[in-house]
């Protein structure tokens, strides 16, 4: 039996956070694709960088990440903790932010790096069909502490990413406070909290996904999200 994504079609675009782990911020700036920083001194953001992915990019565990052919030849993986809002709110203070969370899951923020560079923004590059694998389950907020959990990603059994959410530049309460300052968050809204170092663009030469690969992401307390690449 194959599990579906916990939120097969989010009610609106997924809120995503860029450059939210220090080591990844530096590797991304060094890649030359970072329009938010000119050099290493500017790599670490002063405020959360927020962008989005369209709901139609979501797929579930075991479903294939489909390479888009000639449209892009630079498809990357990004292991991330995702936060799902359960209680609506606007201008939510960080000290009360976790009261608005109903649960947590895993998301792979798949990205077409060449499209990211071409368009100088991130929505198109991150919203292609099948570019948001999600799952395997939604763990209730009362059973999960997002402050310090391990996050790992393997490609074909090779460990590529390994970190802890304690390394986040902006933690979950801060992200909720930032986004909700002027936007009402509603039940079912999702926040992808950013990816650690070790993505394909960080290698020299880059190590992008190819047909036949398998991406496996594990977050402590949630489980494993695994998807083949077709």
C-alpha atoms as a PDB file:
ATOM      1  CA  UNK A   1       0.000   0.000   0.000  1.00  0.00           C
ATOM      2  CA  UNK A   2       1.370   3.410  -0.985  1.00  0.00           C
ATOM      3  CA  UNK A   3       0.815   6.390   1.284  1.00  0.00           C
ATOM      4  CA  UNK A   4      -0.474   9.631  -0.153  1.00  0.00           C
ATOM      5  CA  UNK A   5       1.080  12.973   0.804  1.00  0.00           C
ATOM      6  CA  UNK A   6      -0.258  14.216   4.178  1.00  0.00           C
ATOM      7  CA  UNK A   7      -1.618  17.281   2.346  1.00  0.00           C
ATOM      8  CA  UNK A   8      -2.076  16.091  -1.256  1.00  0.00           C
ATOM      9  CA  UNK A   9      -3.216  19.557  -2.339  1.00  0.00           C
ATOM     10  CA  UNK A  10      -2.384  22.343   0.123  1.00  0.00           C
ATOM     11  CA  UNK A  11      -5.057  25.056   0.127  1.00  0.00           C
ATOM     12  CA  UNK A  12      -2.576  27.630  -1.191  1.00  0.00           C
ATOM     13  CA  UNK A  13       1.099  27.989  -2.085  1.00  0.00           C
ATOM     14  CA  UNK A  14       3.606  26.427   0.296  1.00  0.00           C
ATOM     15  CA  UNK A  15       5.634  29.058   2.169  1.00  0.00           C
ATOM     16  CA  UNK A  16       9.323  28.189   1.769  1.00  0.00           C
ATOM     17  CA  UNK A  17      12.408  29.558   3.492  1.00  0.00           C
ATOM     18  CA  UNK A  18      15.696  30.066   1.672  1.00  0.00           C
ATOM     19  CA  UNK A  19      19.200  29.961   3.150  1.00  0.00           C
ATOM     20  CA  UNK A  20      18.132  29.006   6.672  1.00  0.00           C
ATOM     21  CA  UNK A  21      21.191  26.920   7.629  1.00  0.00           C
ATOM     22  CA  UNK A  22      24.541  28.725   7.783  1.00  0.00           C
ATOM     23  CA  UNK A  23      26.588  26.130   5.914  1.00  0.00           C
ATOM     24  CA  UNK A  24      23.995  25.923   3.146  1.00  0.00           C
ATOM     25  CA  UNK A  25      23.799  29.718   2.920  1.00  0.00           C
ATOM     26  CA  UNK A  26      27.529  29.782   2.249  1.00  0.00           C
ATOM     27  CA  UNK A  27      27.450  26.912  -0.270  1.00  0.00           C
ATOM     28  CA  UNK A  28      24.578  28.536  -2.139  1.00  0.00           C
ATOM     29  CA  UNK A  29      26.259  31.942  -2.270  1.00  0.00           C
ATOM     30  CA  UNK A  30      29.464  30.282  -3.492  1.00  0.00           C
ATOM     31  CA  UNK A  31      27.513  28.570  -6.307  1.00  0.00           C
ATOM     32  CA  UNK A  32      26.961  31.894  -8.078  1.00  0.00           C
ATOM     33  CA  UNK A  33      23.166  31.447  -8.143  1.00  0.00           C
ATOM     34  CA  UNK A  34      22.451  33.587  -5.109  1.00  0.00           C
ATOM     35  CA  UNK A  35      20.843  36.871  -6.144  1.00  0.00           C
ATOM     36  CA  UNK A  36      20.449  37.849  -2.477  1.00  0.00           C
ATOM     37  CA  UNK A  37      24.193  38.076  -1.731  1.00  0.00           C
ATOM     38  CA  UNK A  38      27.204  39.384  -3.640  1.00  0.00           C
ATOM     39  CA  UNK A  39      29.864  37.647  -1.566  1.00  0.00           C
ATOM     40  CA  UNK A  40      30.486  35.438   1.485  1.00  0.00           C
ATOM     41  CA  UNK A  41      30.124  38.403   3.845  1.00  0.00           C
ATOM     42  CA  UNK A  42      26.490  38.734   2.764  1.00  0.00           C
ATOM     43  CA  UNK A  43      25.679  34.999   2.717  1.00  0.00           C
ATOM     44  CA  UNK A  44      23.831  34.873   6.038  1.00  0.00           C
ATOM     45  CA  UNK A  45      20.475  36.683   5.747  1.00  0.00           C
ATOM     46  CA  UNK A  46      19.408  39.247   8.327  1.00  0.00           C
ATOM     47  CA  UNK A  47      15.769  38.267   7.932  1.00  0.00           C
ATOM     48  CA  UNK A  48      14.026  35.130   6.645  1.00  0.00           C
ATOM     49  CA  UNK A  49      13.967  34.779   2.858  1.00  0.00           C
ATOM     50  CA  UNK A  50      10.442  33.664   1.951  1.00  0.00           C
ATOM     51  CA  UNK A  51       9.292  32.300  -1.410  1.00  0.00           C
ATOM     52  CA  UNK A  52       6.694  29.718  -2.436  1.00  0.00           C
ATOM     53  CA  UNK A  53       5.904  26.526  -4.336  1.00  0.00           C
ATOM     54  CA  UNK A  54       2.543  25.909  -5.991  1.00  0.00           C
ATOM     55  CA  UNK A  55       0.285  23.233  -4.434  1.00  0.00           C
ATOM     56  CA  UNK A  56       0.158  21.206  -7.650  1.00  0.00           C
ATOM     57  CA  UNK A  57       3.849  20.292  -7.262  1.00  0.00           C
ATOM     58  CA  UNK A  58       3.063  17.954  -4.306  1.00  0.00           C
ATOM     59  CA  UNK A  59       3.489  14.183  -4.613  1.00  0.00           C
ATOM     60  CA  UNK A  60       3.508  11.450  -1.984  1.00  0.00           C
ATOM     61  CA  UNK A  61       6.031   8.909  -0.720  1.00  0.00           C
ATOM     62  CA  UNK A  62       7.229   6.506  -3.396  1.00  0.00           C
ATOM     63  CA  UNK A  63       5.915   8.602  -6.265  1.00  0.00           C
ATOM     64  CA  UNK A  64       8.491   9.560  -8.905  1.00  0.00           C
ATOM     65  CA  UNK A  65      10.193  12.912  -9.217  1.00  0.00           C
ATOM     66  CA  UNK A  66       9.843  13.414 -12.968  1.00  0.00           C
ATOM     67  CA  UNK A  67      12.727  15.128 -14.731  1.00  0.00           C
ATOM     68  CA  UNK A  68      11.402  17.817 -17.099  1.00  0.00           C
ATOM     69  CA  UNK A  69      13.525  16.836 -20.109  1.00  0.00           C
ATOM     70  CA  UNK A  70      14.996  19.679 -22.123  1.00  0.00           C
ATOM     71  CA  UNK A  71      13.398  22.294 -19.878  1.00  0.00           C
ATOM     72  CA  UNK A  72      16.068  21.731 -17.213  1.00  0.00           C
ATOM     73  CA  UNK A  73      19.185  19.611 -16.808  1.00  0.00           C
ATOM     74  CA  UNK A  74      20.048  20.774 -13.281  1.00  0.00           C
ATOM     75  CA  UNK A  75      17.557  19.195 -10.884  1.00  0.00           C
ATOM     76  CA  UNK A  76      18.532  19.361  -7.208  1.00  0.00           C
ATOM     77  CA  UNK A  77      17.195  17.894  -3.957  1.00  0.00           C
ATOM     78  CA  UNK A  78      16.590  19.759  -0.676  1.00  0.00           C
ATOM     79  CA  UNK A  79      15.618  17.908   2.522  1.00  0.00           C
ATOM     80  CA  UNK A  80      13.419  20.033   4.786  1.00  0.00           C
ATOM     81  CA  UNK A  81      11.220  19.973   7.864  1.00  0.00           C
ATOM     82  CA  UNK A  82       7.719  21.218   7.043  1.00  0.00           C
ATOM     83  CA  UNK A  83       5.359  22.867   9.534  1.00  0.00           C
ATOM     84  CA  UNK A  84       1.589  22.655   9.104  1.00  0.00           C
ATOM     85  CA  UNK A  85      -0.626  25.349  10.614  1.00  0.00           C
ATOM     86  CA  UNK A  86      -3.696  24.228  12.542  1.00  0.00           C
ATOM     87  CA  UNK A  87      -4.968  27.405  14.212  1.00  0.00           C
ATOM     88  CA  UNK A  88      -5.447  30.601  12.214  1.00  0.00           C
ATOM     89  CA  UNK A  89      -3.750  33.808  13.213  1.00  0.00           C
ATOM     90  CA  UNK A  90      -2.187  37.083  12.187  1.00  0.00           C
ATOM     91  CA  UNK A  91       0.606  38.990  13.952  1.00  0.00           C
ATOM     92  CA  UNK A  92       1.434  35.847  15.920  1.00  0.00           C
ATOM     93  CA  UNK A  93       4.186  36.354  18.479  1.00  0.00           C
ATOM     94  CA  UNK A  94       7.052  33.874  18.473  1.00  0.00           C
ATOM     95  CA  UNK A  95       6.327  33.049  22.105  1.00  0.00           C
ATOM     96  CA  UNK A  96       2.857  31.760  21.125  1.00  0.00           C
ATOM     97  CA  UNK A  97       3.647  30.518  17.627  1.00  0.00           C
ATOM     98  CA  UNK A  98       3.769  26.790  18.342  1.00  0.00           C
ATOM     99  CA  UNK A  99       0.186  26.992  19.636  1.00  0.00           C
ATOM    100  CA  UNK A 100      -0.808  27.536  15.987  1.00  0.00           C
ATOM    101  CA  UNK A 101       0.916  24.379  14.685  1.00  0.00           C
ATOM    102  CA  UNK A 102      -1.041  21.163  14.150  1.00  0.00           C
ATOM    103  CA  UNK A 103       1.850  19.021  12.973  1.00  0.00           C
ATOM    104  CA  UNK A 104       5.074  18.376  11.074  1.00  0.00           C
ATOM    105  CA  UNK A 105       6.155  16.380   8.052  1.00  0.00           C
ATOM    106  CA  UNK A 106       9.032  16.066   5.557  1.00  0.00           C
ATOM    107  CA  UNK A 107       9.252  17.873   2.231  1.00  0.00           C
ATOM    108  CA  UNK A 108      11.815  17.636  -0.555  1.00  0.00           C
ATOM    109  CA  UNK A 109      12.093  21.118  -2.069  1.00  0.00           C
ATOM    110  CA  UNK A 110      13.181  19.892  -5.519  1.00  0.00           C
ATOM    111  CA  UNK A 111      14.689  22.704  -7.580  1.00  0.00           C
ATOM    112  CA  UNK A 112      15.686  23.318 -11.203  1.00  0.00           C
ATOM    113  CA  UNK A 113      18.882  25.301 -10.645  1.00  0.00           C
ATOM    114  CA  UNK A 114      19.228  26.508 -14.226  1.00  0.00           C
ATOM    115  CA  UNK A 115      15.684  27.895 -14.177  1.00  0.00           C
ATOM    116  CA  UNK A 116      16.420  29.497 -10.824  1.00  0.00           C
ATOM    117  CA  UNK A 117      19.329  31.318 -12.411  1.00  0.00           C
ATOM    118  CA  UNK A 118      17.519  32.144 -15.646  1.00  0.00           C
ATOM    119  CA  UNK A 119      14.450  33.739 -14.039  1.00  0.00           C
ATOM    120  CA  UNK A 120      16.262  35.375 -11.080  1.00  0.00           C
ATOM    121  CA  UNK A 121      13.454  34.234  -8.806  1.00  0.00           C
ATOM    122  CA  UNK A 122      12.528  30.891  -7.348  1.00  0.00           C
ATOM    123  CA  UNK A 123       8.851  30.073  -7.909  1.00  0.00           C
ATOM    124  CA  UNK A 124       9.110  28.564 -11.396  1.00  0.00           C
ATOM    125  CA  UNK A 125      12.286  26.606 -10.619  1.00  0.00           C
ATOM    126  CA  UNK A 126      10.693  25.046  -7.544  1.00  0.00           C
ATOM    127  CA  UNK A 127       7.114  24.528  -8.715  1.00  0.00           C
ATOM    128  CA  UNK A 128       7.405  22.136 -11.641  1.00  0.00           C
ATOM    129  CA  UNK A 129       5.160  19.074 -11.523  1.00  0.00           C
ATOM    130  CA  UNK A 130       6.325  16.507  -8.906  1.00  0.00           C
ATOM    131  CA  UNK A 131       8.805  18.970  -7.340  1.00  0.00           C
ATOM    132  CA  UNK A 132       7.381  18.755  -3.806  1.00  0.00           C
ATOM    133  CA  UNK A 133       7.560  15.175  -2.481  1.00  0.00           C
ATOM    134  CA  UNK A 134       5.953  15.125   0.967  1.00  0.00           C
ATOM    135  CA  UNK A 135       5.427  12.613   3.763  1.00  0.00           C
ATOM    136  CA  UNK A 136       5.405   9.934   4.971  1.00  0.00           C
ATOM    137  CA  UNK A 137       3.052  11.113   7.745  1.00  0.00           C
ATOM    138  CA  UNK A 138       1.918  14.210   9.583  1.00  0.00           C
ATOM    139  CA  UNK A 139       3.144  13.999  13.184  1.00  0.00           C
ATOM    140  CA  UNK A 140       1.010  15.884  15.689  1.00  0.00           C
ATOM    141  CA  UNK A 141       2.503  18.965  17.327  1.00  0.00           C
ATOM    142  CA  UNK A 142       1.989  17.472  20.773  1.00  0.00           C
ATOM    143  CA  UNK A 143       4.302  14.578  19.862  1.00  0.00           C
ATOM    144  CA  UNK A 144       7.132  16.503  18.198  1.00  0.00           C
ATOM    145  CA  UNK A 145       9.611  19.198  19.245  1.00  0.00           C
ATOM    146  CA  UNK A 146      11.040  21.020  16.204  1.00  0.00           C
ATOM    147  CA  UNK A 147      13.892  22.631  18.150  1.00  0.00           C
ATOM    148  CA  UNK A 148      16.475  19.845  17.835  1.00  0.00           C
ATOM    149  CA  UNK A 149      15.812  16.913  15.512  1.00  0.00           C
ATOM    150  CA  UNK A 150      18.215  15.258  13.052  1.00  0.00           C
ATOM    151  CA  UNK A 151      17.659  15.673   9.318  1.00  0.00           C
ATOM    152  CA  UNK A 152      19.475  13.528   6.751  1.00  0.00           C
ATOM    153  CA  UNK A 153      19.317  12.968   3.006  1.00  0.00           C
ATOM    154  CA  UNK A 154      20.771  10.140   0.928  1.00  0.00           C
ATOM    155  CA  UNK A 155      20.997   9.853  -2.855  1.00  0.00           C
ATOM    156  CA  UNK A 156      21.420   6.227  -3.969  1.00  0.00           C
ATOM    157  CA  UNK A 157      22.512   5.322  -0.445  1.00  0.00           C
ATOM    158  CA  UNK A 158      25.168   8.049  -0.247  1.00  0.00           C
ATOM    159  CA  UNK A 159      24.678  10.431   2.681  1.00  0.00           C
ATOM    160  CA  UNK A 160      24.614  13.947   1.229  1.00  0.00           C
ATOM    161  CA  UNK A 161      22.947  16.083   3.932  1.00  0.00           C
ATOM    162  CA  UNK A 162      23.197  15.739   7.699  1.00  0.00           C
ATOM    163  CA  UNK A 163      22.249  18.407  10.226  1.00  0.00           C
ATOM    164  CA  UNK A 164      19.897  19.232  13.075  1.00  0.00           C
ATOM    165  CA  UNK A 165      17.086  21.738  13.269  1.00  0.00           C
ATOM    166  CA  UNK A 166      19.013  23.356  16.127  1.00  0.00           C
ATOM    167  CA  UNK A 167      21.225  24.737  13.325  1.00  0.00           C
ATOM    168  CA  UNK A 168      18.386  26.760  11.807  1.00  0.00           C
ATOM    169  CA  UNK A 169      19.221  30.458  11.505  1.00  0.00           C
ATOM    170  CA  UNK A 170      15.542  31.317  12.049  1.00  0.00           C
ATOM    171  CA  UNK A 171      13.648  28.772  14.157  1.00  0.00           C
ATOM    172  CA  UNK A 172      10.052  27.697  13.653  1.00  0.00           C
ATOM    173  CA  UNK A 173       8.498  30.297  16.008  1.00  0.00           C
ATOM    174  CA  UNK A 174      10.448  33.083  14.297  1.00  0.00           C
ATOM    175  CA  UNK A 175       9.288  31.935  10.860  1.00  0.00           C
ATOM    176  CA  UNK A 176       5.651  31.882  11.961  1.00  0.00           C
ATOM    177  CA  UNK A 177       5.997  35.340  13.529  1.00  0.00           C
ATOM    178  CA  UNK A 178       7.631  36.727  10.367  1.00  0.00           C
ATOM    179  CA  UNK A 179       5.126  35.339   7.868  1.00  0.00           C
ATOM    180  CA  UNK A 180       2.068  36.121   9.972  1.00  0.00           C
ATOM    181  CA  UNK A 181       3.106  39.721  10.639  1.00  0.00           C
ATOM    182  CA  UNK A 182       0.961  40.868   7.737  1.00  0.00           C
ATOM    183  CA  UNK A 183      -0.444  37.633   6.294  1.00  0.00           C
ATOM    184  CA  UNK A 184      -3.171  35.688   8.060  1.00  0.00           C
ATOM    185  CA  UNK A 185      -2.055  32.091   8.408  1.00  0.00           C
ATOM    186  CA  UNK A 186      -4.870  29.575   8.011  1.00  0.00           C
ATOM    187  CA  UNK A 187      -5.338  25.896   8.860  1.00  0.00           C
ATOM    188  CA  UNK A 188      -3.547  23.763   6.286  1.00  0.00           C
ATOM    189  CA  UNK A 189      -0.924  26.373   5.445  1.00  0.00           C
ATOM    190  CA  UNK A 190       2.525  24.844   5.238  1.00  0.00           C
ATOM    191  CA  UNK A 191       5.982  26.289   5.907  1.00  0.00           C
ATOM    192  CA  UNK A 192       9.059  24.473   4.545  1.00  0.00           C
ATOM    193  CA  UNK A 193      11.810  25.583   6.912  1.00  0.00           C
ATOM    194  CA  UNK A 194      14.900  25.414   4.682  1.00  0.00           C
ATOM    195  CA  UNK A 195      17.548  22.860   3.772  1.00  0.00           C
ATOM    196  CA  UNK A 196      20.998  22.081   5.235  1.00  0.00           C
ATOM    197  CA  UNK A 197      24.294  21.969   3.349  1.00  0.00           C
ATOM    198  CA  UNK A 198      25.000  19.108   0.981  1.00  0.00           C
ATOM    199  CA  UNK A 199      22.682  19.838  -1.925  1.00  0.00           C
ATOM    200  CA  UNK A 200      23.849  19.017  -5.429  1.00  0.00           C
ATOM    201  CA  UNK A 201      24.796  22.593  -6.320  1.00  0.00           C
ATOM    202  CA  UNK A 202      27.247  22.601  -3.422  1.00  0.00           C
ATOM    203  CA  UNK A 203      29.563  20.048  -5.038  1.00  0.00           C
ATOM    204  CA  UNK A 204      32.242  20.835  -7.613  1.00  0.00           C
ATOM    205  CA  UNK A 205      31.146  19.907 -10.187  1.00  0.00           C
ATOM    206  CA  UNK A 206      27.482  19.956  -9.135  1.00  0.00           C
ATOM    207  CA  UNK A 207      25.841  16.578  -8.568  1.00  0.00           C
ATOM    208  CA  UNK A 208      22.344  16.869  -9.938  1.00  0.00           C
ATOM    209  CA  UNK A 209      19.672  14.206  -9.940  1.00  0.00           C
ATOM    210  CA  UNK A 210      19.462  11.824 -12.882  1.00  0.00           C
ATOM    211  CA  UNK A 211      17.046   9.197 -14.053  1.00  0.00           C
ATOM    212  CA  UNK A 212      17.224   6.083 -11.880  1.00  0.00           C
ATOM    213  CA  UNK A 213      18.335   7.891  -8.707  1.00  0.00           C
ATOM    214  CA  UNK A 214      16.541   7.402  -5.390  1.00  0.00           C
ATOM    215  CA  UNK A 215      16.302  10.238  -2.852  1.00  0.00           C
ATOM    216  CA  UNK A 216      15.770   9.212   0.773  1.00  0.00           C
ATOM    217  CA  UNK A 217      15.126  11.805   3.498  1.00  0.00           C
ATOM    218  CA  UNK A 218      14.850  11.013   7.190  1.00  0.00           C
ATOM    219  CA  UNK A 219      13.844  13.345  10.012  1.00  0.00           C
ATOM    220  CA  UNK A 220      13.927  12.045  13.566  1.00  0.00           C
ATOM    221  CA  UNK A 221      10.462  11.537  15.007  1.00  0.00           C
ATOM    222  CA  UNK A 222       8.737  11.694  11.610  1.00  0.00           C
ATOM    223  CA  UNK A 223      10.165   8.873   9.514  1.00  0.00           C
ATOM    224  CA  UNK A 224      11.472   8.421   5.984  1.00  0.00           C
ATOM    225  CA  UNK A 225      10.396  10.007   2.703  1.00  0.00           C
ATOM    226  CA  UNK A 226      11.767   8.163  -0.326  1.00  0.00           C
ATOM    227  CA  UNK A 227      11.175   8.942  -3.997  1.00  0.00           C
ATOM    228  CA  UNK A 228      12.663   7.572  -7.219  1.00  0.00           C
ATOM    229  CA  UNK A 229      13.719   9.850 -10.051  1.00  0.00           C
ATOM    230  CA  UNK A 230      12.203   9.208 -13.471  1.00  0.00           C
END
